[in-house]
Amino acid sequence: MSLEEKLKEIDEICIKLENADLGLDEGVALYEKGTKIAKECLKELNEVKGKVNVIKKEIDSYKEEDFD
């Protein structure tokens, strides 16, 4: 499942949780599912952030050379 799909699912869970007709057990189950998906998203975002930082360090390590 892509990050965008996970975020959409979290949004749908939030909408369901705002529904006053939910029972306690169903609400807890949805909350658990939402937090699990949120953790997956954070893990994925942190991995991407790490890759971006590596690329940035590589770019920053290049020195300007004088052209004669």
N, C-alpha and C. Protein backbone atom coordinates (compact mmCIF):
# COMPACT_ATOMS: atom_id res chain seq x y z
N MET A 1 0.86 -1.17 0.00
CA MET A 1 0.00 0.00 0.00
C MET A 1 0.91 1.24 0.00
N SER A 2 0.61 2.18 -0.86
CA SER A 2 1.42 3.40 -0.96
C SER A 2 1.16 4.31 0.23
N LEU A 3 2.05 5.26 0.42
CA LEU A 3 1.89 6.23 1.50
C LEU A 3 0.59 7.00 1.34
N GLU A 4 0.28 7.38 0.13
CA GLU A 4 -0.95 8.13 -0.13
C GLU A 4 -2.19 7.31 0.24
N GLU A 5 -2.15 6.02 -0.08
CA GLU A 5 -3.28 5.13 0.26
C GLU A 5 -3.40 4.98 1.77
N LYS A 6 -2.26 4.89 2.46
CA LYS A 6 -2.29 4.77 3.92
C LYS A 6 -2.87 6.03 4.54
N LEU A 7 -2.47 7.19 4.04
CA LEU A 7 -3.00 8.44 4.57
C LEU A 7 -4.50 8.56 4.33
N LYS A 8 -4.95 8.09 3.17
CA LYS A 8 -6.38 8.12 2.87
C LYS A 8 -7.13 7.20 3.83
N GLU A 9 -6.56 6.04 4.13
CA GLU A 9 -7.20 5.12 5.05
C GLU A 9 -7.27 5.70 6.46
N ILE A 10 -6.20 6.38 6.88
CA ILE A 10 -6.22 7.04 8.18
C ILE A 10 -7.32 8.10 8.22
N ASP A 11 -7.47 8.84 7.14
CA ASP A 11 -8.53 9.86 7.06
C ASP A 11 -9.91 9.22 7.18
N GLU A 12 -10.09 8.09 6.51
CA GLU A 12 -11.38 7.39 6.58
C GLU A 12 -11.64 6.87 7.99
N ILE A 13 -10.60 6.39 8.65
CA ILE A 13 -10.74 5.92 10.03
C ILE A 13 -11.14 7.07 10.94
N CYS A 14 -10.52 8.23 10.75
CA CYS A 14 -10.86 9.41 11.56
C CYS A 14 -12.32 9.80 11.40
N ILE A 15 -12.79 9.74 10.17
CA ILE A 15 -14.21 10.07 9.91
C ILE A 15 -15.11 9.09 10.65
N LYS A 16 -14.77 7.80 10.60
CA LYS A 16 -15.57 6.79 11.29
C LYS A 16 -15.53 7.01 12.80
N LEU A 17 -14.35 7.38 13.33
CA LEU A 17 -14.22 7.58 14.77
C LEU A 17 -15.03 8.79 15.25
N GLU A 18 -15.24 9.74 14.37
CA GLU A 18 -16.04 10.92 14.72
C GLU A 18 -17.54 10.60 14.77
N ASN A 19 -17.92 9.45 14.25
CA ASN A 19 -19.30 9.03 14.23
C ASN A 19 -19.72 8.60 15.63
N ALA A 20 -20.73 9.23 16.15
CA ALA A 20 -21.19 8.95 17.51
C ALA A 20 -21.85 7.58 17.64
N ASP A 21 -22.17 6.92 16.54
CA ASP A 21 -22.87 5.65 16.58
C ASP A 21 -21.94 4.45 16.78
N LEU A 22 -20.63 4.70 16.85
CA LEU A 22 -19.68 3.60 17.03
C LEU A 22 -19.76 3.03 18.43
N GLY A 23 -19.64 1.71 18.51
CA GLY A 23 -19.53 1.08 19.81
C GLY A 23 -18.10 1.20 20.31
N LEU A 24 -17.90 0.97 21.59
CA LEU A 24 -16.58 1.11 22.19
C LEU A 24 -15.58 0.16 21.57
N ASP A 25 -15.95 -1.11 21.42
CA ASP A 25 -15.04 -2.10 20.86
C ASP A 25 -14.63 -1.75 19.43
N GLU A 26 -15.61 -1.33 18.64
CA GLU A 26 -15.31 -0.96 17.25
C GLU A 26 -14.43 0.29 17.20
N GLY A 27 -14.69 1.23 18.09
CA GLY A 27 -13.89 2.45 18.14
C GLY A 27 -12.45 2.16 18.52
N VAL A 28 -12.26 1.29 19.50
CA VAL A 28 -10.91 0.93 19.92
C VAL A 28 -10.18 0.20 18.80
N ALA A 29 -10.88 -0.70 18.12
CA ALA A 29 -10.27 -1.45 17.01
C ALA A 29 -9.84 -0.51 15.89
N LEU A 30 -10.69 0.46 15.56
CA LEU A 30 -10.35 1.43 14.52
C LEU A 30 -9.17 2.29 14.96
N TYR A 31 -9.17 2.69 16.23
CA TYR A 31 -8.06 3.51 16.75
C TYR A 31 -6.75 2.74 16.66
N GLU A 32 -6.77 1.47 17.04
CA GLU A 32 -5.56 0.64 16.96
C GLU A 32 -5.08 0.50 15.52
N LYS A 33 -6.03 0.29 14.61
CA LYS A 33 -5.68 0.16 13.19
C LYS A 33 -5.07 1.47 12.68
N GLY A 34 -5.66 2.58 13.05
CA GLY A 34 -5.16 3.88 12.61
C GLY A 34 -3.76 4.16 13.14
N THR A 35 -3.51 3.84 14.41
CA THR A 35 -2.18 4.08 14.96
C THR A 35 -1.14 3.17 14.33
N LYS A 36 -1.54 1.95 13.99
CA LYS A 36 -0.61 1.03 13.31
C LYS A 36 -0.22 1.59 11.94
N ILE A 37 -1.20 2.06 11.21
CA ILE A 37 -0.94 2.64 9.89
C ILE A 37 -0.10 3.90 10.02
N ALA A 38 -0.40 4.73 11.02
CA ALA A 38 0.37 5.96 11.24
C ALA A 38 1.84 5.64 11.52
N LYS A 39 2.10 4.60 12.32
CA LYS A 39 3.48 4.19 12.60
C LYS A 39 4.18 3.75 11.32
N GLU A 40 3.47 3.02 10.46
CA GLU A 40 4.04 2.61 9.18
C GLU A 40 4.40 3.82 8.33
N CYS A 41 3.52 4.81 8.32
CA CYS A 41 3.77 6.05 7.56
C CYS A 41 5.00 6.77 8.09
N LEU A 42 5.10 6.89 9.41
CA LEU A 42 6.24 7.57 10.01
C LEU A 42 7.54 6.84 9.69
N LYS A 43 7.50 5.52 9.73
CA LYS A 43 8.69 4.73 9.41
C LYS A 43 9.11 4.99 7.96
N GLU A 44 8.14 4.97 7.06
CA GLU A 44 8.42 5.21 5.65
C GLU A 44 8.96 6.62 5.42
N LEU A 45 8.36 7.60 6.07
CA LEU A 45 8.82 8.99 5.92
C LEU A 45 10.24 9.16 6.47
N ASN A 46 10.54 8.51 7.59
CA ASN A 46 11.88 8.60 8.15
C ASN A 46 12.92 7.95 7.24
N GLU A 47 12.55 6.86 6.57
CA GLU A 47 13.45 6.22 5.62
C GLU A 47 13.74 7.16 4.44
N VAL A 48 12.71 7.80 3.94
CA VAL A 48 12.88 8.74 2.83
C VAL A 48 13.72 9.93 3.29
N LYS A 49 13.45 10.42 4.49
CA LYS A 49 14.23 11.54 5.02
C LYS A 49 15.71 11.16 5.10
N GLY A 50 15.99 9.94 5.52
CA GLY A 50 17.38 9.47 5.59
C GLY A 50 18.03 9.45 4.22
N LYS A 51 17.29 8.99 3.21
CA LYS A 51 17.83 8.97 1.85
C LYS A 51 18.11 10.38 1.35
N VAL A 52 17.20 11.30 1.63
CA VAL A 52 17.38 12.69 1.21
C VAL A 52 18.61 13.29 1.89
N ASN A 53 18.79 12.98 3.18
CA ASN A 53 19.96 13.50 3.90
C ASN A 53 21.25 12.96 3.32
N VAL A 54 21.27 11.70 2.92
CA VAL A 54 22.46 11.11 2.31
C VAL A 54 22.78 11.83 0.99
N ILE A 55 21.77 12.04 0.18
CA ILE A 55 21.96 12.73 -1.10
C ILE A 55 22.46 14.16 -0.86
N LYS A 56 21.85 14.83 0.12
CA LYS A 56 22.26 16.20 0.43
C LYS A 56 23.72 16.25 0.87
N LYS A 57 24.15 15.31 1.70
CA LYS A 57 25.54 15.28 2.15
C LYS A 57 26.48 15.04 0.98
N GLU A 58 26.06 14.18 0.05
CA GLU A 58 26.88 13.94 -1.15
C GLU A 58 27.03 15.22 -1.97
N ILE A 59 25.95 15.92 -2.14
CA ILE A 59 25.98 17.17 -2.91
C ILE A 59 26.84 18.21 -2.19
N ASP A 60 26.67 18.30 -0.86
CA ASP A 60 27.43 19.28 -0.07
C ASP A 60 28.92 18.97 -0.06
N SER A 61 29.29 17.71 -0.29
CA SER A 61 30.70 17.33 -0.22
C SER A 61 31.48 17.74 -1.47
N TYR A 62 30.79 18.04 -2.54
CA TYR A 62 31.48 18.50 -3.75
C TYR A 62 32.01 19.90 -3.53
N LYS A 63 33.23 20.13 -3.92
CA LYS A 63 33.85 21.44 -3.76
C LYS A 63 33.83 22.15 -5.10
N GLU A 64 33.73 23.47 -5.00
CA GLU A 64 33.81 24.25 -6.22
C GLU A 64 35.24 24.24 -6.72
N GLU A 65 35.37 24.07 -8.00
CA GLU A 65 36.71 24.09 -8.59
C GLU A 65 36.86 25.36 -9.41
N ASP A 66 38.05 25.94 -9.33
CA ASP A 66 38.32 27.13 -10.12
C ASP A 66 38.58 26.75 -11.56
N PHE A 67 38.02 27.50 -12.44
CA PHE A 67 38.27 27.29 -13.86
C PHE A 67 39.34 28.29 -14.29
N ASP A 68 40.41 27.78 -14.84
CA ASP A 68 41.50 28.66 -15.28
C ASP A 68 41.42 28.91 -16.75
